Protein backbone atom coordinates (compact mmCIF):
# COMPACT_ATOMS: atom_id res chain seq x y z
CA UNK A 1 10.60 -14.48 -4.91
CA UNK A 2 9.26 -14.93 -1.39
CA UNK A 3 6.77 -17.57 -0.44
CA UNK A 4 3.57 -16.59 1.35
CA UNK A 5 5.02 -17.84 4.62
CA UNK A 6 8.16 -15.75 4.21
CA UNK A 7 6.07 -12.68 3.39
CA UNK A 8 3.85 -13.16 6.45
CA UNK A 9 6.90 -13.83 8.62
CA UNK A 10 8.50 -10.59 7.47
CA UNK A 11 5.32 -8.63 8.29
CA UNK A 12 5.15 -10.23 11.76
CA UNK A 13 8.80 -9.54 12.46
CA UNK A 14 8.63 -5.93 11.28
CA UNK A 15 5.41 -5.20 13.15
CA UNK A 16 6.05 -7.16 16.36
CA UNK A 17 6.93 -4.12 18.51
CA UNK A 18 3.88 -2.18 17.33
CA UNK A 19 1.46 -5.07 17.78
CA UNK A 20 2.90 -5.81 21.22
CA UNK A 21 2.69 -2.17 22.32
CA UNK A 22 -0.90 -1.79 21.18
CA UNK A 23 -1.92 -5.07 22.77
CA UNK A 24 -0.36 -4.19 26.12
CA UNK A 25 -1.89 -0.70 26.06
CA UNK A 26 -5.35 -2.20 25.58
CA UNK A 27 -4.71 -4.91 28.18
CA UNK A 28 -3.65 -2.44 30.86
CA UNK A 29 -6.44 -0.01 29.99
CA UNK A 30 -9.10 -2.70 30.27
CA UNK A 31 -7.57 -4.50 33.27
CA UNK A 32 -5.86 -1.92 35.51
CA UNK A 33 -5.22 -4.52 38.19
CA UNK A 34 -2.66 -6.17 35.93
CA UNK A 35 -0.60 -2.98 35.83
CA UNK A 36 -0.49 -2.89 39.63
CA UNK A 37 0.39 -6.56 39.81
CA UNK A 38 3.44 -6.13 37.57
CA UNK A 39 4.75 -2.82 38.95
CA UNK A 40 7.00 -0.91 38.64
CA UNK A 41 7.05 -1.28 34.84
CA UNK A 42 4.44 -3.80 33.80
CA UNK A 43 4.08 -2.24 30.36
CA UNK A 44 7.67 -3.02 29.39
CA UNK A 45 7.56 -6.50 30.87
CA UNK A 46 4.38 -7.44 29.02
CA UNK A 47 5.46 -5.74 25.80
CA UNK A 48 8.80 -7.55 25.78
CA UNK A 49 7.13 -10.92 26.33
CA UNK A 50 4.46 -10.40 23.67
CA UNK A 51 7.01 -9.08 21.20
CA UNK A 52 9.14 -12.19 21.72
CA UNK A 53 6.14 -14.46 21.15
CA UNK A 54 5.43 -12.68 17.87
CA UNK A 55 9.06 -13.03 16.81
CA UNK A 56 8.92 -16.74 17.66
CA UNK A 57 5.76 -17.06 15.58
CA UNK A 58 7.46 -15.21 12.74
CA UNK A 59 10.40 -17.63 12.79
CA UNK A 60 8.05 -20.62 12.84
CA UNK A 61 6.02 -19.29 9.91
CA UNK A 62 9.20 -18.58 7.93
CA UNK A 63 10.35 -22.14 8.57
CA UNK A 64 6.97 -23.51 7.54
CA UNK A 65 6.30 -24.90 11.04
CA UNK A 66 3.82 -22.57 12.81
CA UNK A 67 2.94 -25.03 15.58
């Protein structure tokens, strides 16, 4: 049986790409200057970074050390 932390970590890991994509879409929609600043493909750059942060958070939660 999984602990709460393991369950949350699994949700974060599974959903990281979706959360990152949605977040970047909203970011670039609300702040178009950011898209220009990170051309030619700011969406992918931001999405990759945010997805990695979520995966790092997932690993920390699974280990019981979300600091």
